[in-house]
Amino acid sequence: MSGFDWPALMRAGMLGLRLTPEAFWRLTPAELRLMLGQGAGAAPMNRAGLDALLAAWPDKSKGEDHGGD
């Protein structure tokens, strides 16, 4: 068994993405996943993430020793 749900992938590729059968079968599984929006990676940082980052790593204030930075 291959582990791929080929009927579902074919529906997504040919019906959802409107690929021709030839174009569908020329894709690698990684390319098809990317086109379907899967495995896109982490979402971009939002304001809450930026605030947490700033709290964890505050900028040094003027006059502080930067240690050669």
N, C-alpha and C. Protein backbone atom coordinates (compact mmCIF):
# COMPACT_ATOMS: atom_id res chain seq x y z
N MET A 1 0.84 -1.18 0.00
CA MET A 1 0.00 0.00 0.00
C MET A 1 0.89 1.24 0.00
N SER A 2 0.51 2.25 -0.76
CA SER A 2 1.36 3.42 -0.95
C SER A 2 1.24 4.47 0.16
N GLY A 3 0.14 4.50 0.89
CA GLY A 3 -0.03 5.51 1.92
C GLY A 3 -0.66 6.80 1.40
N PHE A 4 -0.85 6.92 0.11
CA PHE A 4 -1.50 8.10 -0.47
C PHE A 4 -2.96 7.78 -0.76
N ASP A 5 -3.82 8.73 -0.50
CA ASP A 5 -5.23 8.61 -0.85
C ASP A 5 -5.38 9.17 -2.26
N TRP A 6 -5.05 8.35 -3.26
CA TRP A 6 -5.01 8.82 -4.65
C TRP A 6 -6.34 9.40 -5.13
N PRO A 7 -7.48 8.77 -4.83
CA PRO A 7 -8.74 9.38 -5.29
C PRO A 7 -8.94 10.80 -4.75
N ALA A 8 -8.62 11.02 -3.46
CA ALA A 8 -8.77 12.35 -2.88
C ALA A 8 -7.77 13.33 -3.49
N LEU A 9 -6.54 12.88 -3.70
CA LEU A 9 -5.53 13.75 -4.31
C LEU A 9 -5.90 14.11 -5.74
N MET A 10 -6.43 13.14 -6.47
CA MET A 10 -6.83 13.40 -7.86
C MET A 10 -8.00 14.39 -7.90
N ARG A 11 -8.97 14.24 -6.98
CA ARG A 11 -10.08 15.21 -6.92
C ARG A 11 -9.56 16.60 -6.60
N ALA A 12 -8.67 16.67 -5.62
CA ALA A 12 -8.13 17.99 -5.23
C ALA A 12 -7.35 18.62 -6.38
N GLY A 13 -6.54 17.82 -7.06
CA GLY A 13 -5.72 18.35 -8.14
C GLY A 13 -6.49 18.69 -9.40
N MET A 14 -7.34 17.76 -9.81
CA MET A 14 -8.04 17.96 -11.09
C MET A 14 -9.32 18.77 -10.96
N LEU A 15 -10.02 18.61 -9.86
CA LEU A 15 -11.26 19.39 -9.68
C LEU A 15 -10.98 20.70 -8.95
N GLY A 16 -10.26 20.62 -7.84
CA GLY A 16 -10.01 21.82 -7.05
C GLY A 16 -9.03 22.78 -7.70
N LEU A 17 -7.90 22.24 -8.19
CA LEU A 17 -6.88 23.08 -8.81
C LEU A 17 -7.04 23.20 -10.32
N ARG A 18 -7.95 22.43 -10.87
CA ARG A 18 -8.24 22.42 -12.31
C ARG A 18 -7.00 22.07 -13.15
N LEU A 19 -6.22 21.10 -12.64
CA LEU A 19 -5.07 20.62 -13.40
C LEU A 19 -5.54 19.59 -14.42
N THR A 20 -4.86 19.54 -15.53
CA THR A 20 -5.14 18.46 -16.48
C THR A 20 -4.55 17.18 -15.91
N PRO A 21 -5.04 16.01 -16.34
CA PRO A 21 -4.44 14.77 -15.84
C PRO A 21 -2.92 14.72 -16.08
N GLU A 22 -2.49 15.18 -17.25
CA GLU A 22 -1.05 15.17 -17.55
C GLU A 22 -0.29 16.06 -16.56
N ALA A 23 -0.79 17.25 -16.28
CA ALA A 23 -0.13 18.15 -15.34
C ALA A 23 -0.13 17.56 -13.93
N PHE A 24 -1.24 16.93 -13.55
CA PHE A 24 -1.33 16.32 -12.23
C PHE A 24 -0.26 15.25 -12.06
N TRP A 25 -0.13 14.36 -13.01
CA TRP A 25 0.79 13.23 -12.87
C TRP A 25 2.25 13.65 -13.03
N ARG A 26 2.51 14.82 -13.55
CA ARG A 26 3.89 15.32 -13.65
C ARG A 26 4.38 15.95 -12.34
N LEU A 27 3.46 16.27 -11.43
CA LEU A 27 3.83 16.88 -10.15
C LEU A 27 4.44 15.85 -9.20
N THR A 28 5.33 16.32 -8.37
CA THR A 28 5.80 15.48 -7.27
C THR A 28 4.79 15.63 -6.13
N PRO A 29 4.76 14.69 -5.18
CA PRO A 29 3.87 14.87 -4.03
C PRO A 29 4.14 16.17 -3.28
N ALA A 30 5.40 16.58 -3.17
CA ALA A 30 5.73 17.82 -2.47
C ALA A 30 5.15 19.03 -3.21
N GLU A 31 5.23 19.03 -4.53
CA GLU A 31 4.66 20.14 -5.31
C GLU A 31 3.15 20.20 -5.15
N LEU A 32 2.50 19.04 -5.16
CA LEU A 32 1.04 18.99 -5.00
C LEU A 32 0.65 19.51 -3.62
N ARG A 33 1.36 19.09 -2.58
CA ARG A 33 1.08 19.58 -1.22
C ARG A 33 1.20 21.09 -1.16
N LEU A 34 2.24 21.64 -1.77
CA LEU A 34 2.45 23.08 -1.77
C LEU A 34 1.30 23.79 -2.49
N MET A 35 0.88 23.27 -3.62
CA MET A 35 -0.21 23.88 -4.37
C MET A 35 -1.53 23.83 -3.61
N LEU A 36 -1.69 22.79 -2.78
CA LEU A 36 -2.91 22.64 -1.99
C LEU A 36 -2.85 23.43 -0.68
N GLY A 37 -1.72 24.09 -0.43
CA GLY A 37 -1.59 24.92 0.76
C GLY A 37 -1.20 24.15 2.01
N GLN A 38 -0.72 22.93 1.85
CA GLN A 38 -0.31 22.13 2.99
C GLN A 38 1.19 22.27 3.20
N GLY A 39 1.60 22.21 4.44
CA GLY A 39 3.02 22.28 4.73
C GLY A 39 3.62 23.63 4.41
N ALA A 40 2.83 24.67 4.51
CA ALA A 40 3.28 26.00 4.20
C ALA A 40 4.21 26.58 5.21
N GLY A 41 4.36 25.90 6.33
CA GLY A 41 5.24 26.42 7.36
C GLY A 41 4.48 27.21 8.39
N ALA A 42 5.23 27.83 9.27
CA ALA A 42 4.64 28.60 10.35
C ALA A 42 4.02 29.89 9.83
N ALA A 43 3.00 30.32 10.53
CA ALA A 43 2.35 31.59 10.18
C ALA A 43 3.29 32.74 10.52
N PRO A 44 3.19 33.85 9.83
CA PRO A 44 4.05 35.00 10.16
C PRO A 44 3.77 35.49 11.58
N MET A 45 4.76 36.15 12.14
CA MET A 45 4.62 36.65 13.51
C MET A 45 3.53 37.72 13.57
N ASN A 46 2.70 37.61 14.60
CA ASN A 46 1.67 38.63 14.82
C ASN A 46 2.13 39.57 15.93
N ARG A 47 1.28 40.51 16.30
CA ARG A 47 1.65 41.52 17.30
C ARG A 47 1.98 40.88 18.64
N ALA A 48 1.20 39.88 19.05
CA ALA A 48 1.45 39.22 20.33
C ALA A 48 2.83 38.54 20.33
N GLY A 49 3.19 37.94 19.21
CA GLY A 49 4.50 37.32 19.10
C GLY A 49 5.62 38.34 19.18
N LEU A 50 5.42 39.48 18.53
CA LEU A 50 6.41 40.55 18.58
C LEU A 50 6.55 41.10 19.99
N ASP A 51 5.42 41.31 20.67
CA ASP A 51 5.46 41.80 22.05
C ASP A 51 6.20 40.82 22.96
N ALA A 52 5.98 39.53 22.79
CA ALA A 52 6.67 38.53 23.60
C ALA A 52 8.17 38.55 23.31
N LEU A 53 8.53 38.71 22.06
CA LEU A 53 9.94 38.77 21.68
C LEU A 53 10.60 40.01 22.27
N LEU A 54 9.93 41.14 22.22
CA LEU A 54 10.47 42.38 22.80
C LEU A 54 10.62 42.27 24.31
N ALA A 55 9.69 41.60 24.97
CA ALA A 55 9.78 41.43 26.42
C ALA A 55 10.95 40.52 26.78
N ALA A 56 11.18 39.49 25.99
CA ALA A 56 12.26 38.55 26.28
C ALA A 56 13.63 39.13 25.93
N TRP A 57 13.70 39.97 24.92
CA TRP A 57 14.98 40.52 24.43
C TRP A 57 14.87 42.03 24.25
N PRO A 58 14.76 42.79 25.34
CA PRO A 58 14.61 44.25 25.20
C PRO A 58 15.88 44.88 24.65
N ASP A 59 15.69 45.99 23.93
CA ASP A 59 16.84 46.77 23.46
C ASP A 59 17.54 47.38 24.66
N LYS A 60 18.85 47.52 24.55
CA LYS A 60 19.59 48.18 25.62
C LYS A 60 19.35 49.68 25.50
N SER A 61 19.25 50.34 26.65
CA SER A 61 19.04 51.78 26.63
C SER A 61 20.34 52.50 26.37
N LYS A 62 20.25 53.77 26.00
CA LYS A 62 21.43 54.57 25.69
C LYS A 62 22.39 54.57 26.88
N GLY A 63 23.68 54.58 26.59
CA GLY A 63 24.70 54.66 27.62
C GLY A 63 25.10 53.30 28.18
N GLU A 64 24.39 52.23 27.85
CA GLU A 64 24.76 50.91 28.33
C GLU A 64 25.95 50.41 27.53
N ASP A 65 26.79 49.64 28.19
CA ASP A 65 27.95 49.04 27.54
C ASP A 65 27.45 47.94 26.60
N HIS A 66 27.86 48.01 25.33
CA HIS A 66 27.44 47.00 24.37
C HIS A 66 28.46 45.88 24.23
N GLY A 67 29.52 45.94 25.00
CA GLY A 67 30.49 44.85 24.99
C GLY A 67 31.13 44.62 23.65
N GLY A 68 31.35 45.67 22.87
CA GLY A 68 32.00 45.52 21.57
C GLY A 68 31.06 45.22 20.43
N ASP A 69 29.75 45.18 20.68
CA ASP A 69 28.78 44.90 19.62
C ASP A 69 28.69 46.02 18.63
